[in-house]
Amino acid sequence: MLTILGFAMITTFLVLIMMKKMSPIAALVLIPALFCVFVGKGAHLGDYVIDGVSSLAPTAAMLMFAIVYFGVMIDVGLFDPIVRGILKFCKADPMRIVVGTALLAGIVSLDGDGSTTFMITVSAMYPLYKRLKMSLVILTGVAAMANGVMNTLPWGGPTARAATALKLDAGDVFVPMIPALAVGLLFVIVLSYVLGLRERKRLGVLTLDEVLVEEKEKETVLVASGSGTGKGAATTGGAGTGTGADAPEDDDDFQGLDPDRPTLRPKLYWFNALLTVGLLTAMIMELLPIPVLFLLGAALALTVNFPNIPDQKARLAAHADNVLNVSGMVFAAAVFTGVLQGTGMVDSMAKWLVDIIPGSMGPHMALVTGVLSLPLTYFMSNDGFYFGILPVLAEAGAAHGVTPLEMARASLVGQPLHMSSPLVPAVYVLVGMAKVEFGDHTRFVVKYAAMTCLVILGAGILFGII
């Protein structure tokens, strides 16, 4: 019964948010609360929620201060050269922009943290997508898949968990997987190329000058028609558009390209760059817990760049919307995970999945593990999969001569899909900053992410890694 209710709860949640019948926050809270009552453990709901919140509180704190930190870095112009460089390279070509998204997300993912990857990628690429009216779900989908492949780095989390669970060396697990993961990343880039061609066909290719001319002509028409007043009338346009009578409605979204915004701190550019590099380095070296690093970084960035308290308050207020949305999602997800784990649904679902594997599949347990990693890492946390499920699968494989190393490598296959799971806090940073509905992101990315996972699995088998 727990197995049935567990799958029913997950299915209900996904259907409601994909059909936009409920907001993700409401669904993450109300659906598990309802199913907790169905299980007959409604009296323990408070305990389950507190346990879930306690486990995710450090993540929520990290995201809150990370958003403030990177928001300030965007305000002061740290990423402006990246945006201008990408725009110059892409030349308003949708295909190049989508491929550039995959490359940028892959490179930034070297820090091993999905949240910072999404913040930097969206900050750099969002203005380009908006200005050219490109599909934003392509931005979120490509970034999530590229980060999912790179999330297998030893310091990214999954590899360390797999190695710890099976008492292996993380290097022995990861290094042989590099060729298969390289194929997976190449597949994401090729897929980005195809999606970019589709966008190019839909939108056409313009030079940057042509894009700006079109916007200026639009502003001229609006002024001539007498509609050049209102919200955008006194706003500064992005990327050199000037102060048009009616700049684009989302003009605030182009602040990262506006060379005249008052928050720029060009004299502090190298301080901010060194601070960011130092912060990421300290995070990789694990000098302090990540939430503490971002708390210190945000406080230092605000103090140095905006010494006046009113300016600091203004910057905090400017990013309060993103902070509230993302932290709210994380705490709502804590209800979902707390009920799943507290009621025993996760354990029951995992046992059922293991039990239905035919005995004849024993010699092929690495392949089975690779396939199962797709749904299992999507519907549960990495901790639940690697510490709860993988040891059981590895034991079954060992009985048929399958080595723990093969099992550990196969378990990494599902990460490109895992990074879009509703249980991954970083995905809410991605869709929140890109202003994409979570349901729209899910509908778009699931099929492509699953294909990426299967490509990695196929490459691993072909190369004899799995």
Protein backbone atom coordinates (compact mmCIF):
# COMPACT_ATOMS: atom_id res chain seq x y z
CA MET A 1 0.00 0.00 0.00
CA LEU A 2 2.83 2.43 0.82
CA THR A 3 4.37 1.73 -2.59
CA ILE A 4 1.12 2.50 -4.39
CA LEU A 5 0.51 5.66 -2.37
CA GLY A 6 4.10 6.80 -2.91
CA PHE A 7 3.90 6.53 -6.67
CA ALA A 8 0.39 8.04 -6.60
CA MET A 9 1.66 11.04 -4.62
CA ILE A 10 4.53 11.70 -7.01
CA THR A 11 2.30 11.25 -10.07
CA THR A 12 -0.37 13.56 -8.66
CA PHE A 13 2.22 16.22 -7.92
CA LEU A 14 3.76 16.07 -11.41
CA VAL A 15 0.42 16.05 -13.21
CA LEU A 16 -0.93 19.04 -11.28
CA ILE A 17 2.11 21.24 -11.82
CA MET A 18 2.54 20.24 -15.48
CA MET A 19 -1.14 21.01 -16.14
CA LYS A 20 -0.70 24.24 -14.12
CA LYS A 21 -3.59 23.36 -11.83
CA MET A 22 -1.48 24.23 -8.79
CA SER A 23 1.64 26.26 -8.17
CA PRO A 24 4.76 24.22 -7.31
CA ILE A 25 4.87 25.61 -3.76
CA ALA A 26 1.23 24.74 -3.08
CA ALA A 27 1.59 21.28 -4.64
CA LEU A 28 4.79 20.52 -2.72
CA VAL A 29 3.00 21.29 0.55
CA LEU A 30 -0.62 20.22 0.11
CA ILE A 31 -0.20 16.98 -1.87
CA PRO A 32 2.17 15.28 0.60
CA ALA A 33 0.09 16.54 3.55
CA LEU A 34 -3.00 14.93 2.00
CA PHE A 35 -1.23 11.65 1.30
CA CYS A 36 0.22 11.63 4.79
CA VAL A 37 -3.37 11.52 6.04
CA PHE A 38 -4.19 8.74 3.55
CA VAL A 39 -1.31 6.68 4.92
CA GLY A 40 -2.82 7.06 8.38
CA LYS A 41 0.06 9.07 9.83
CA GLY A 42 -1.46 12.53 9.77
CA ALA A 43 -0.70 12.95 13.47
CA HIS A 44 3.02 12.75 12.65
CA LEU A 45 2.92 15.30 9.82
CA GLY A 46 4.51 17.98 11.98
CA ASP A 47 7.45 15.75 12.85
CA TYR A 48 7.99 14.80 9.20
CA VAL A 49 7.92 18.43 8.08
CA ILE A 50 10.33 19.55 10.82
CA ASP A 51 12.72 16.74 9.89
CA GLY A 52 12.53 17.74 6.22
CA VAL A 53 13.02 21.43 6.99
CA SER A 54 15.96 20.66 9.27
CA SER A 55 17.70 18.66 6.55
CA LEU A 56 17.18 21.34 3.87
CA ALA A 57 17.70 24.45 6.03
CA PRO A 58 21.43 24.72 5.20
CA THR A 59 20.58 24.48 1.49
CA ALA A 60 17.95 27.20 1.82
CA ALA A 61 20.42 29.45 3.65
CA MET A 62 23.06 28.84 1.00
CA LEU A 63 20.64 29.71 -1.80
CA MET A 64 19.40 32.85 -0.07
CA PHE A 65 22.86 34.35 0.40
CA ALA A 66 24.14 33.01 -2.94
CA ILE A 67 21.32 34.82 -4.74
CA VAL A 68 22.15 38.03 -2.89
CA TYR A 69 25.87 37.61 -3.65
CA PHE A 70 25.51 36.93 -7.36
CA GLY A 71 22.76 39.53 -7.61
CA VAL A 72 25.18 42.14 -6.28
CA MET A 73 27.89 40.92 -8.68
CA ILE A 74 25.44 41.39 -11.56
CA ASP A 75 24.51 44.86 -10.29
CA VAL A 76 28.12 46.01 -10.08
CA GLY A 77 28.94 44.71 -13.58
CA LEU A 78 31.14 41.66 -12.89
CA PHE A 79 29.48 39.60 -15.64
CA ASP A 80 28.99 42.42 -18.16
CA PRO A 81 32.16 41.54 -20.14
CA ILE A 82 30.96 37.93 -20.40
CA VAL A 83 27.56 39.01 -21.66
CA ARG A 84 29.06 41.44 -24.18
CA GLY A 85 31.60 38.86 -25.32
CA ILE A 86 28.95 36.20 -25.85
CA LEU A 87 26.69 38.68 -27.61
CA LYS A 88 29.53 39.71 -29.89
CA PHE A 89 30.36 36.08 -30.67
CA CYS A 90 26.75 35.03 -31.15
CA LYS A 91 25.92 38.01 -33.39
CA ALA A 92 22.23 37.65 -32.48
CA ASP A 93 22.24 34.12 -33.95
CA PRO A 94 19.87 31.89 -31.91
CA MET A 95 21.86 28.78 -32.80
CA ARG A 96 25.11 30.23 -31.43
CA ILE A 97 23.32 31.50 -28.33
CA VAL A 98 21.91 28.07 -27.46
CA VAL A 99 25.26 26.36 -28.03
CA GLY A 100 26.89 29.12 -25.99
CA THR A 101 24.44 28.35 -23.18
CA ALA A 102 25.56 24.71 -23.09
CA LEU A 103 29.25 25.64 -23.17
CA LEU A 104 28.90 28.31 -20.49
CA ALA A 105 26.89 26.03 -18.18
CA GLY A 106 29.40 23.23 -18.69
CA ILE A 107 32.38 25.46 -17.90
CA VAL A 108 30.82 27.11 -14.86
CA SER A 109 29.75 23.67 -13.56
CA LEU A 110 33.40 22.96 -12.83
CA ASP A 111 32.79 24.53 -9.41
CA GLY A 112 30.60 21.54 -8.58
CA ASP A 113 27.57 23.54 -7.43
CA GLY A 114 24.38 23.61 -9.48
CA SER A 115 22.95 26.74 -7.89
CA THR A 116 25.92 28.95 -8.70
CA THR A 117 26.10 27.45 -12.19
CA PHE A 118 22.48 28.38 -12.88
CA MET A 119 22.84 31.85 -11.39
CA ILE A 120 25.84 32.71 -13.54
CA THR A 121 24.48 31.07 -16.71
CA VAL A 122 21.04 32.67 -16.48
CA SER A 123 22.52 36.04 -15.53
CA ALA A 124 24.69 36.01 -18.65
CA MET A 125 22.27 34.47 -21.14
CA TYR A 126 18.80 35.63 -20.05
CA PRO A 127 19.12 39.13 -21.58
CA LEU A 128 20.04 37.59 -24.96
CA TYR A 129 17.07 35.22 -24.96
CA LYS A 130 14.68 37.99 -23.99
CA ARG A 131 16.02 40.49 -26.47
CA LEU A 132 15.73 38.03 -29.38
CA LYS A 133 12.41 36.60 -28.09
CA MET A 134 13.90 33.10 -27.88
CA SER A 135 12.24 30.28 -25.95
CA LEU A 136 13.32 30.45 -22.32
CA VAL A 137 12.65 26.76 -21.68
CA ILE A 138 15.53 26.06 -24.05
CA LEU A 139 17.74 28.15 -21.77
CA THR A 140 16.67 26.25 -18.64
CA GLY A 141 16.67 22.84 -20.34
CA VAL A 142 20.12 23.14 -21.90
CA ALA A 143 21.65 24.58 -18.74
CA ALA A 144 20.14 21.79 -16.59
CA MET A 145 21.38 19.02 -18.90
CA ALA A 146 24.91 20.41 -19.21
CA ASN A 147 25.10 20.84 -15.45
CA GLY A 148 23.68 17.35 -14.93
CA VAL A 149 26.53 15.78 -16.90
CA MET A 150 29.14 17.85 -15.05
CA ASN A 151 27.46 17.15 -11.70
CA THR A 152 29.26 13.79 -11.74
CA LEU A 153 32.58 15.50 -10.91
CA PRO A 154 34.00 14.00 -7.69
CA TRP A 155 33.34 17.23 -5.79
CA GLY A 156 29.85 17.57 -7.28
CA GLY A 157 28.27 15.05 -4.90
CA PRO A 158 26.93 11.91 -6.65
CA THR A 159 30.34 10.33 -7.28
CA ALA A 160 31.40 10.89 -3.69
CA ARG A 161 28.13 9.41 -2.45
CA ALA A 162 28.43 6.34 -4.69
CA ALA A 163 32.04 5.79 -3.62
CA THR A 164 31.20 6.22 0.06
CA ALA A 165 28.17 3.92 -0.09
CA LEU A 166 30.19 1.10 -1.71
CA LYS A 167 33.48 1.86 0.11
CA LEU A 168 35.39 2.72 -3.06
CA ASP A 169 37.83 5.43 -4.11
CA ALA A 170 36.04 8.31 -5.86
CA GLY A 171 38.86 8.57 -8.43
CA ASP A 172 38.49 4.88 -9.34
CA VAL A 173 34.79 5.47 -9.94
CA PHE A 174 35.04 8.75 -11.86
CA VAL A 175 38.19 8.64 -14.01
CA PRO A 176 37.16 5.63 -16.16
CA MET A 177 33.76 7.31 -16.69
CA ILE A 178 35.32 10.40 -18.30
CA PRO A 179 35.01 9.13 -21.94
CA ALA A 180 31.32 8.27 -21.48
CA LEU A 181 30.61 11.58 -19.75
CA ALA A 182 32.48 13.42 -22.54
CA VAL A 183 30.17 11.73 -25.04
CA GLY A 184 27.19 12.84 -22.94
CA LEU A 185 28.40 16.44 -22.88
CA LEU A 186 29.03 16.32 -26.63
CA PHE A 187 25.47 15.04 -27.09
CA VAL A 188 24.15 18.02 -25.09
CA ILE A 189 26.13 20.39 -27.33
CA VAL A 190 24.84 18.67 -30.49
CA LEU A 191 21.32 18.80 -29.10
CA SER A 192 21.83 22.50 -28.36
CA TYR A 193 22.92 22.98 -31.97
CA VAL A 194 19.73 21.31 -33.21
CA LEU A 195 17.52 23.32 -30.85
CA GLY A 196 19.37 26.46 -31.88
CA LEU A 197 18.76 25.75 -35.56
CA ARG A 198 15.07 25.35 -34.76
CA GLU A 199 15.06 28.75 -33.05
CA ARG A 200 17.03 30.30 -35.93
CA LYS A 201 14.43 28.99 -38.38
CA ARG A 202 11.63 30.40 -36.24
CA LEU A 203 13.20 33.80 -35.58
CA GLY A 204 15.74 34.32 -38.34
CA VAL A 205 19.25 35.73 -37.91
CA LEU A 206 19.88 39.41 -37.31
CA THR A 207 23.05 41.31 -36.60
CA LEU A 208 23.19 43.16 -33.30
CA ASP A 209 22.87 46.48 -35.14
CA GLU A 210 19.69 45.25 -36.84
CA VAL A 211 18.23 44.19 -33.48
CA LEU A 212 18.92 47.62 -32.02
CA VAL A 213 17.56 49.39 -35.12
CA GLU A 214 14.33 47.39 -34.87
CA GLU A 215 13.93 48.41 -31.23
CA LYS A 216 14.60 52.06 -31.99
CA GLU A 217 12.07 51.97 -34.84
CA LYS A 218 9.52 50.45 -32.48
CA GLU A 219 10.19 53.20 -29.94
CA THR A 220 9.81 55.85 -32.64
CA VAL A 221 6.43 54.42 -33.69
CA LEU A 222 5.26 54.33 -30.08
CA VAL A 223 6.30 57.95 -29.53
CA ALA A 224 4.59 59.03 -32.74
CA SER A 225 1.39 57.24 -31.74
CA GLY A 226 1.39 58.95 -28.36
CA SER A 227 1.83 55.71 -26.40
CA GLY A 228 5.39 56.40 -25.37
CA THR A 229 4.53 57.13 -21.79
CA GLY A 230 4.00 54.93 -18.81
CA LYS A 231 6.08 52.24 -17.21
CA GLY A 232 8.99 52.28 -19.58
CA ALA A 233 9.01 55.97 -20.44
CA ALA A 234 11.83 56.90 -18.17
CA THR A 235 13.72 53.63 -18.23
CA THR A 236 17.17 53.14 -19.55
CA GLY A 237 17.33 50.58 -22.31
CA GLY A 238 19.82 47.72 -22.31
CA ALA A 239 22.78 47.10 -24.55
CA GLY A 240 22.99 50.61 -25.80
CA THR A 241 19.36 51.17 -26.68
CA GLY A 242 19.40 54.50 -24.94
CA THR A 243 16.45 55.98 -23.10
CA GLY A 244 13.62 55.29 -25.44
CA ALA A 245 10.16 56.66 -24.88
CA ASP A 246 8.84 53.17 -24.31
CA ALA A 247 11.65 50.72 -23.77
CA PRO A 248 10.79 47.02 -23.70
CA GLU A 249 8.34 46.15 -20.95
CA ASP A 250 10.88 43.87 -19.29
CA ASP A 251 13.56 46.54 -19.42
CA ASP A 252 14.71 45.75 -15.90
CA ASP A 253 15.69 42.32 -17.21
CA PHE A 254 18.38 43.96 -19.35
CA GLN A 255 20.12 45.73 -16.49
CA GLY A 256 23.07 43.38 -17.00
CA LEU A 257 23.70 45.01 -20.40
CA ASP A 258 22.97 48.64 -19.51
CA PRO A 259 26.36 50.41 -19.50
CA ASP A 260 24.99 53.41 -17.59
CA ARG A 261 23.17 51.85 -14.63
CA PRO A 262 24.04 53.59 -11.33
CA THR A 263 24.99 50.37 -9.53
CA LEU A 264 28.12 49.78 -11.67
CA ARG A 265 31.42 49.77 -9.77
CA PRO A 266 34.14 49.70 -12.48
CA LYS A 267 36.90 50.71 -10.03
CA LEU A 268 36.09 47.66 -7.92
CA TYR A 269 35.95 45.21 -10.83
CA TRP A 270 39.12 43.32 -9.94
CA PHE A 271 38.22 43.22 -6.26
CA ASN A 272 34.87 41.63 -7.14
CA ALA A 273 36.50 39.22 -9.59
CA LEU A 274 39.08 38.11 -7.03
CA LEU A 275 36.41 37.82 -4.35
CA THR A 276 34.32 35.57 -6.58
CA VAL A 277 37.27 33.39 -7.58
CA GLY A 278 38.32 33.15 -3.94
CA LEU A 279 34.79 32.23 -2.90
CA LEU A 280 34.50 29.45 -5.49
CA THR A 281 37.98 28.18 -4.64
CA ALA A 282 37.15 28.04 -0.94
CA MET A 283 33.94 26.19 -1.82
CA ILE A 284 35.78 23.57 -3.90
CA MET A 285 38.42 23.14 -1.19
CA GLU A 286 35.67 22.94 1.45
CA LEU A 287 37.41 25.45 3.71
CA LEU A 288 34.06 26.32 5.29
CA PRO A 289 30.47 25.11 4.84
CA ILE A 290 28.98 26.58 1.65
CA PRO A 291 26.19 28.52 3.45
CA VAL A 292 28.82 30.20 5.65
CA LEU A 293 30.97 31.08 2.62
CA PHE A 294 28.10 32.75 0.79
CA LEU A 295 26.91 34.52 3.93
CA LEU A 296 30.38 36.01 4.41
CA GLY A 297 30.74 36.73 0.69
CA ALA A 298 27.38 38.51 0.46
CA ALA A 299 28.13 40.64 3.53
CA LEU A 300 31.58 41.58 2.21
CA ALA A 301 30.31 42.32 -1.31
CA LEU A 302 27.55 44.59 0.00
CA THR A 303 29.83 46.41 2.43
CA VAL A 304 32.62 47.14 -0.06
CA ASN A 305 30.49 47.94 -3.13
CA PHE A 306 27.71 49.83 -1.31
CA PRO A 307 29.14 51.42 1.87
CA ASN A 308 25.98 53.44 2.51
CA ILE A 309 23.27 51.54 4.42
CA PRO A 310 20.38 52.87 2.23
CA ASP A 311 22.17 51.53 -0.86
CA GLN A 312 22.63 48.14 0.81
CA LYS A 313 18.95 48.02 1.69
CA ALA A 314 18.07 48.92 -1.90
CA ARG A 315 20.18 46.03 -3.25
CA LEU A 316 18.62 43.58 -0.80
CA ALA A 317 15.16 44.78 -1.76
CA ALA A 318 15.99 44.44 -5.45
CA HIS A 319 16.76 40.74 -5.02
CA ALA A 320 14.16 39.95 -2.37
CA ASP A 321 11.73 38.53 -4.94
CA ASN A 322 14.19 35.87 -6.13
CA VAL A 323 15.24 35.08 -2.56
CA LEU A 324 11.66 34.58 -1.41
CA ASN A 325 10.67 32.46 -4.40
CA VAL A 326 13.65 30.13 -4.19
CA SER A 327 13.80 29.75 -0.42
CA GLY A 328 10.03 29.22 -0.36
CA MET A 329 10.40 26.42 -2.91
CA VAL A 330 13.13 24.77 -0.86
CA PHE A 331 11.12 24.76 2.34
CA ALA A 332 8.05 23.54 0.46
CA ALA A 333 10.16 20.72 -1.02
CA ALA A 334 11.15 19.87 2.56
CA VAL A 335 7.51 18.97 3.24
CA PHE A 336 7.50 16.65 0.22
CA THR A 337 10.75 14.90 1.10
CA GLY A 338 9.89 14.78 4.80
CA VAL A 339 6.62 12.96 4.16
CA LEU A 340 8.18 10.61 1.58
CA GLN A 341 10.89 9.55 3.98
CA GLY A 342 9.00 9.78 7.27
CA THR A 343 6.06 7.62 6.18
CA GLY A 344 8.39 4.99 4.72
CA MET A 345 7.11 5.49 1.16
CA VAL A 346 10.63 5.84 -0.25
CA ASP A 347 11.84 2.62 1.37
CA SER A 348 8.76 0.74 0.25
CA MET A 349 9.05 1.99 -3.34
CA ALA A 350 12.74 1.11 -3.46
CA LYS A 351 12.18 -2.41 -2.10
CA TRP A 352 9.41 -3.01 -4.63
CA LEU A 353 11.61 -1.90 -7.52
CA VAL A 354 14.45 -4.16 -6.38
CA ASP A 355 12.12 -7.12 -5.86
CA ILE A 356 10.61 -6.95 -9.37
CA ILE A 357 14.02 -7.34 -11.04
CA PRO A 358 14.07 -10.87 -12.54
CA GLY A 359 16.78 -13.20 -11.30
CA SER A 360 17.95 -13.70 -14.89
CA MET A 361 19.02 -10.05 -14.95
CA GLY A 362 21.60 -10.67 -12.23
CA PRO A 363 24.64 -10.73 -14.55
CA HIS A 364 23.39 -7.46 -16.09
CA MET A 365 22.85 -5.58 -12.83
CA ALA A 366 25.12 -2.73 -13.93
CA LEU A 367 22.87 -2.11 -16.94
CA VAL A 368 19.80 -2.44 -14.71
CA THR A 369 21.29 0.06 -12.24
CA GLY A 370 22.03 2.52 -15.03
CA VAL A 371 18.45 2.35 -16.30
CA LEU A 372 16.95 2.51 -12.80
CA SER A 373 19.07 5.56 -11.97
CA LEU A 374 16.89 7.65 -14.29
CA PRO A 375 13.56 7.34 -12.46
CA LEU A 376 15.03 6.74 -9.01
CA THR A 377 17.26 9.82 -8.91
CA TYR A 378 14.39 11.86 -10.36
CA PHE A 379 11.84 10.78 -7.76
CA MET A 380 14.13 10.78 -4.74
CA SER A 381 17.16 12.60 -3.41
CA ASN A 382 20.70 11.55 -4.26
CA ASP A 383 21.20 10.60 -0.62
CA GLY A 384 18.19 8.28 -0.75
CA PHE A 385 19.35 6.61 -3.95
CA TYR A 386 23.06 6.25 -3.26
CA PHE A 387 22.84 5.31 0.41
CA GLY A 388 19.54 3.44 0.34
CA ILE A 389 19.16 1.78 -3.06
CA LEU A 390 22.63 1.41 -4.54
CA PRO A 391 24.02 -0.87 -1.79
CA VAL A 392 21.08 -3.26 -2.28
CA LEU A 393 21.57 -3.30 -6.06
CA ALA A 394 25.34 -3.73 -5.64
CA GLU A 395 24.81 -6.72 -3.34
CA ALA A 396 22.53 -8.35 -5.90
CA GLY A 397 25.11 -7.67 -8.63
CA ALA A 398 28.00 -9.04 -6.57
CA ALA A 399 26.19 -12.39 -6.32
CA HIS A 400 26.47 -12.63 -10.12
CA GLY A 401 30.06 -11.37 -10.43
CA VAL A 402 29.32 -7.69 -11.18
CA THR A 403 31.97 -5.54 -9.49
CA PRO A 404 31.05 -2.65 -7.15
CA LEU A 405 33.03 -0.29 -9.40
CA GLU A 406 30.78 -1.06 -12.37
CA MET A 407 27.70 -0.58 -10.21
CA ALA A 408 28.98 2.75 -8.90
CA ARG A 409 29.73 4.03 -12.41
CA ALA A 410 26.36 2.91 -13.73
CA SER A 411 24.62 4.72 -10.87
CA LEU A 412 25.92 8.08 -12.17
CA VAL A 413 24.08 7.79 -15.47
CA GLY A 414 20.84 9.43 -14.30
CA GLN A 415 22.34 12.75 -13.20
CA PRO A 416 21.34 14.82 -16.30
CA LEU A 417 17.70 13.97 -15.50
CA HIS A 418 18.17 14.29 -11.74
CA MET A 419 19.12 17.97 -12.04
CA SER A 420 15.56 18.77 -13.17
CA SER A 421 13.91 16.80 -10.36
CA PRO A 422 11.36 18.73 -8.28
CA LEU A 423 13.36 17.57 -5.24
CA VAL A 424 16.53 19.42 -6.34
CA PRO A 425 16.58 22.95 -4.84
CA ALA A 426 18.90 24.29 -7.54
CA VAL A 427 16.29 23.77 -10.27
CA TYR A 428 14.09 26.38 -8.60
CA VAL A 429 16.95 28.86 -8.85
CA LEU A 430 17.13 28.06 -12.56
CA VAL A 431 13.45 28.42 -13.41
CA GLY A 432 12.97 31.31 -10.97
CA MET A 433 15.74 33.47 -12.42
CA ALA A 434 14.73 32.59 -15.99
CA LYS A 435 11.05 33.32 -15.19
CA VAL A 436 9.96 29.92 -16.53
CA GLU A 437 7.10 27.87 -15.11
CA PHE A 438 8.41 24.68 -13.51
CA GLY A 439 5.79 22.64 -15.37
CA ASP A 440 6.88 24.08 -18.72
CA HIS A 441 10.51 23.30 -17.90
CA THR A 442 9.60 19.73 -16.95
CA ARG A 443 7.60 19.07 -20.11
CA PHE A 444 10.47 20.31 -22.25
CA VAL A 445 13.50 18.83 -20.54
CA VAL A 446 12.50 15.34 -19.39
CA LYS A 447 12.67 13.67 -22.80
CA TYR A 448 15.96 15.31 -23.78
CA ALA A 449 17.56 14.68 -20.38
CA ALA A 450 16.51 11.02 -20.52
CA MET A 451 18.08 10.73 -23.97
CA THR A 452 21.31 12.23 -22.60
CA CYS A 453 21.34 9.67 -19.78
CA LEU A 454 20.86 6.79 -22.21
CA VAL A 455 23.63 8.11 -24.45
CA ILE A 456 26.01 8.11 -21.47
CA LEU A 457 24.92 4.59 -20.55
CA GLY A 458 25.38 3.39 -24.13
CA ALA A 459 28.83 4.98 -24.33
CA GLY A 460 29.80 3.39 -21.02
CA ILE A 461 28.81 -0.05 -22.31
CA LEU A 462 30.53 0.55 -25.67
CA PHE A 463 33.78 1.59 -24.00
CA GLY A 464 33.63 -1.34 -21.59
CA ILE A 465 33.34 0.98 -18.57
CA ILE A 466 30.00 -0.50 -17.51
